[in-house]
Amino acid sequence: MANTLDSLPTGVPASISGFSTLAPDVLQRLLELGFDEGVRVEKLHAAPFGGDPLAVKVGSTTVALRRALASAILIA
């Protein structure tokens, strides 16, 4: 399975296992959006021509994330 959210195949569920180095305010915003360790995530869709942004289901909410930010979310 993939190690980061951006490389997770579409439609495959995973759990957040942590975060790579992020600015404290960015990490805080992700936590406010529901991205916390142990939460189930699934990549729903990637935009064409480079795939930015990604549509991600976190818990029961759908969020759009830039690929660079998704690459900082570690999954298991």
N, C-alpha and C. Protein backbone atom coordinates (compact mmCIF):
# COMPACT_ATOMS: atom_id res chain seq x y z
N MET A 1 0.84 -1.19 0.00
CA MET A 1 0.00 0.00 0.00
C MET A 1 0.89 1.25 0.00
N ALA A 2 0.31 2.35 -0.37
CA ALA A 2 1.03 3.62 -0.46
C ALA A 2 1.42 4.12 0.94
N ASN A 3 2.41 5.00 1.00
CA ASN A 3 2.86 5.55 2.27
C ASN A 3 2.29 6.94 2.55
N THR A 4 1.87 7.66 1.51
CA THR A 4 1.32 9.00 1.69
C THR A 4 -0.02 9.09 0.98
N LEU A 5 -0.84 10.02 1.42
CA LEU A 5 -2.19 10.15 0.88
C LEU A 5 -2.19 10.45 -0.62
N ASP A 6 -1.24 11.23 -1.10
CA ASP A 6 -1.23 11.56 -2.54
C ASP A 6 -0.98 10.34 -3.42
N SER A 7 -0.27 9.34 -2.91
CA SER A 7 0.04 8.16 -3.72
C SER A 7 -0.95 7.01 -3.48
N LEU A 8 -1.94 7.22 -2.65
CA LEU A 8 -2.97 6.20 -2.40
C LEU A 8 -3.82 6.04 -3.66
N PRO A 9 -4.06 4.81 -4.10
CA PRO A 9 -4.93 4.62 -5.27
C PRO A 9 -6.35 5.12 -4.97
N THR A 10 -7.02 5.61 -5.98
CA THR A 10 -8.39 6.08 -5.84
C THR A 10 -9.30 4.94 -5.39
N GLY A 11 -10.15 5.25 -4.39
CA GLY A 11 -11.13 4.29 -3.92
C GLY A 11 -10.64 3.29 -2.90
N VAL A 12 -9.37 3.37 -2.51
CA VAL A 12 -8.81 2.44 -1.53
C VAL A 12 -8.76 3.14 -0.17
N PRO A 13 -9.45 2.61 0.84
CA PRO A 13 -9.41 3.25 2.16
C PRO A 13 -8.08 2.99 2.87
N ALA A 14 -7.72 3.92 3.74
CA ALA A 14 -6.51 3.79 4.55
C ALA A 14 -6.73 4.58 5.84
N SER A 15 -5.82 4.45 6.77
CA SER A 15 -5.88 5.21 8.02
C SER A 15 -4.69 6.15 8.10
N ILE A 16 -4.90 7.32 8.65
CA ILE A 16 -3.81 8.28 8.84
C ILE A 16 -2.92 7.77 9.95
N SER A 17 -1.63 7.68 9.67
CA SER A 17 -0.68 7.21 10.67
C SER A 17 0.21 8.33 11.21
N GLY A 18 0.15 9.51 10.60
CA GLY A 18 0.96 10.63 11.08
C GLY A 18 1.13 11.66 9.98
N PHE A 19 2.07 12.57 10.22
CA PHE A 19 2.31 13.67 9.30
C PHE A 19 3.81 13.87 9.17
N SER A 20 4.26 14.22 7.96
CA SER A 20 5.65 14.61 7.81
C SER A 20 5.76 16.06 8.29
N THR A 21 6.90 16.64 8.18
CA THR A 21 7.13 17.98 8.71
C THR A 21 6.21 19.00 8.05
N LEU A 22 5.42 19.67 8.87
CA LEU A 22 4.51 20.72 8.40
C LEU A 22 4.62 21.92 9.33
N ALA A 23 4.35 23.09 8.81
CA ALA A 23 4.29 24.28 9.66
C ALA A 23 3.17 24.08 10.69
N PRO A 24 3.36 24.55 11.91
CA PRO A 24 2.35 24.34 12.96
C PRO A 24 0.95 24.82 12.57
N ASP A 25 0.86 25.94 11.87
CA ASP A 25 -0.47 26.44 11.49
C ASP A 25 -1.13 25.55 10.44
N VAL A 26 -0.35 24.96 9.55
CA VAL A 26 -0.89 24.06 8.54
C VAL A 26 -1.36 22.76 9.20
N LEU A 27 -0.57 22.23 10.11
CA LEU A 27 -0.96 21.03 10.83
C LEU A 27 -2.24 21.28 11.64
N GLN A 28 -2.32 22.42 12.28
CA GLN A 28 -3.51 22.76 13.06
C GLN A 28 -4.75 22.82 12.16
N ARG A 29 -4.62 23.37 10.98
CA ARG A 29 -5.74 23.45 10.04
C ARG A 29 -6.18 22.07 9.59
N LEU A 30 -5.23 21.17 9.32
CA LEU A 30 -5.57 19.80 8.95
C LEU A 30 -6.33 19.10 10.08
N LEU A 31 -5.87 19.30 11.30
CA LEU A 31 -6.55 18.71 12.45
C LEU A 31 -7.97 19.25 12.58
N GLU A 32 -8.15 20.54 12.33
CA GLU A 32 -9.48 21.14 12.39
C GLU A 32 -10.40 20.57 11.31
N LEU A 33 -9.84 20.18 10.18
CA LEU A 33 -10.62 19.59 9.09
C LEU A 33 -10.92 18.11 9.32
N GLY A 34 -10.34 17.52 10.38
CA GLY A 34 -10.61 16.13 10.70
C GLY A 34 -9.49 15.16 10.38
N PHE A 35 -8.38 15.65 9.86
CA PHE A 35 -7.23 14.80 9.56
C PHE A 35 -6.45 14.55 10.85
N ASP A 36 -6.73 13.44 11.48
CA ASP A 36 -6.08 13.10 12.75
C ASP A 36 -5.62 11.65 12.66
N GLU A 37 -4.63 11.29 13.45
CA GLU A 37 -4.12 9.93 13.43
C GLU A 37 -5.24 8.94 13.74
N GLY A 38 -5.28 7.87 12.95
CA GLY A 38 -6.28 6.82 13.13
C GLY A 38 -7.55 7.04 12.33
N VAL A 39 -7.75 8.22 11.77
CA VAL A 39 -8.97 8.51 11.00
C VAL A 39 -8.87 7.85 9.63
N ARG A 40 -9.98 7.33 9.17
CA ARG A 40 -10.05 6.67 7.86
C ARG A 40 -10.12 7.72 6.76
N VAL A 41 -9.32 7.56 5.71
CA VAL A 41 -9.31 8.46 4.56
C VAL A 41 -9.41 7.64 3.28
N GLU A 42 -9.87 8.31 2.23
CA GLU A 42 -9.97 7.67 0.92
C GLU A 42 -9.87 8.75 -0.15
N LYS A 43 -9.01 8.53 -1.14
CA LYS A 43 -8.91 9.47 -2.27
C LYS A 43 -10.06 9.17 -3.21
N LEU A 44 -10.91 10.16 -3.45
CA LEU A 44 -12.08 9.98 -4.29
C LEU A 44 -11.82 10.33 -5.74
N HIS A 45 -11.01 11.37 -5.97
CA HIS A 45 -10.83 11.87 -7.33
C HIS A 45 -9.59 12.75 -7.39
N ALA A 46 -8.92 12.73 -8.51
CA ALA A 46 -7.81 13.65 -8.77
C ALA A 46 -8.13 14.43 -10.03
N ALA A 47 -7.85 15.71 -10.02
CA ALA A 47 -8.09 16.54 -11.20
C ALA A 47 -7.21 16.06 -12.35
N PRO A 48 -7.67 16.24 -13.58
CA PRO A 48 -6.86 15.82 -14.72
C PRO A 48 -5.62 16.70 -14.90
N PHE A 49 -4.70 16.25 -15.72
CA PHE A 49 -3.48 17.00 -16.06
C PHE A 49 -2.64 17.33 -14.83
N GLY A 50 -2.22 16.32 -14.10
CA GLY A 50 -1.36 16.53 -12.95
C GLY A 50 -2.03 16.23 -11.63
N GLY A 51 -3.34 16.13 -11.64
CA GLY A 51 -4.06 15.69 -10.46
C GLY A 51 -4.06 16.64 -9.29
N ASP A 52 -4.15 17.93 -9.52
CA ASP A 52 -4.16 18.88 -8.41
C ASP A 52 -5.36 19.79 -8.56
N PRO A 53 -6.30 19.82 -7.66
CA PRO A 53 -6.31 19.21 -6.33
C PRO A 53 -6.88 17.78 -6.33
N LEU A 54 -6.82 17.18 -5.14
CA LEU A 54 -7.39 15.86 -4.91
C LEU A 54 -8.67 16.03 -4.09
N ALA A 55 -9.68 15.22 -4.37
CA ALA A 55 -10.86 15.15 -3.52
C ALA A 55 -10.64 13.97 -2.58
N VAL A 56 -10.70 14.24 -1.28
CA VAL A 56 -10.39 13.23 -0.27
C VAL A 56 -11.55 13.15 0.71
N LYS A 57 -11.96 11.92 1.01
CA LYS A 57 -12.97 11.71 2.05
C LYS A 57 -12.24 11.43 3.35
N VAL A 58 -12.49 12.26 4.34
CA VAL A 58 -11.89 12.08 5.67
C VAL A 58 -13.05 11.96 6.65
N GLY A 59 -13.17 10.79 7.27
CA GLY A 59 -14.36 10.53 8.07
C GLY A 59 -15.56 10.52 7.16
N SER A 60 -16.52 11.42 7.40
CA SER A 60 -17.70 11.52 6.55
C SER A 60 -17.72 12.81 5.73
N THR A 61 -16.60 13.52 5.68
CA THR A 61 -16.49 14.80 5.00
C THR A 61 -15.60 14.68 3.77
N THR A 62 -15.95 15.40 2.71
CA THR A 62 -15.11 15.45 1.51
C THR A 62 -14.37 16.78 1.49
N VAL A 63 -13.04 16.72 1.30
CA VAL A 63 -12.17 17.89 1.34
C VAL A 63 -11.31 17.89 0.09
N ALA A 64 -11.06 19.08 -0.46
CA ALA A 64 -10.12 19.23 -1.57
C ALA A 64 -8.76 19.62 -1.02
N LEU A 65 -7.73 18.89 -1.40
CA LEU A 65 -6.37 19.15 -0.95
C LEU A 65 -5.43 19.27 -2.13
N ARG A 66 -4.46 20.13 -2.04
CA ARG A 66 -3.40 20.16 -3.04
C ARG A 66 -2.54 18.91 -2.85
N ARG A 67 -2.01 18.42 -3.96
CA ARG A 67 -1.19 17.20 -3.92
C ARG A 67 0.00 17.35 -2.98
N ALA A 68 0.63 18.53 -2.94
CA ALA A 68 1.79 18.74 -2.07
C ALA A 68 1.41 18.56 -0.59
N LEU A 69 0.25 19.02 -0.21
CA LEU A 69 -0.20 18.86 1.17
C LEU A 69 -0.56 17.40 1.45
N ALA A 70 -1.22 16.75 0.50
CA ALA A 70 -1.56 15.34 0.65
C ALA A 70 -0.31 14.48 0.80
N SER A 71 0.79 14.91 0.22
CA SER A 71 2.04 14.14 0.33
C SER A 71 2.64 14.22 1.72
N ALA A 72 2.16 15.12 2.55
CA ALA A 72 2.65 15.25 3.93
C ALA A 72 1.80 14.44 4.92
N ILE A 73 0.75 13.79 4.42
CA ILE A 73 -0.12 12.98 5.28
C ILE A 73 0.27 11.53 5.10
N LEU A 74 0.80 10.94 6.16
CA LEU A 74 1.26 9.55 6.14
C LEU A 74 0.09 8.62 6.41
N ILE A 75 0.02 7.50 5.68
CA ILE A 75 -1.07 6.55 5.84
C ILE A 75 -0.56 5.14 6.05
N ALA A 76 -1.43 4.30 6.58
CA ALA A 76 -1.10 2.89 6.80
C ALA A 76 -2.22 2.03 6.24
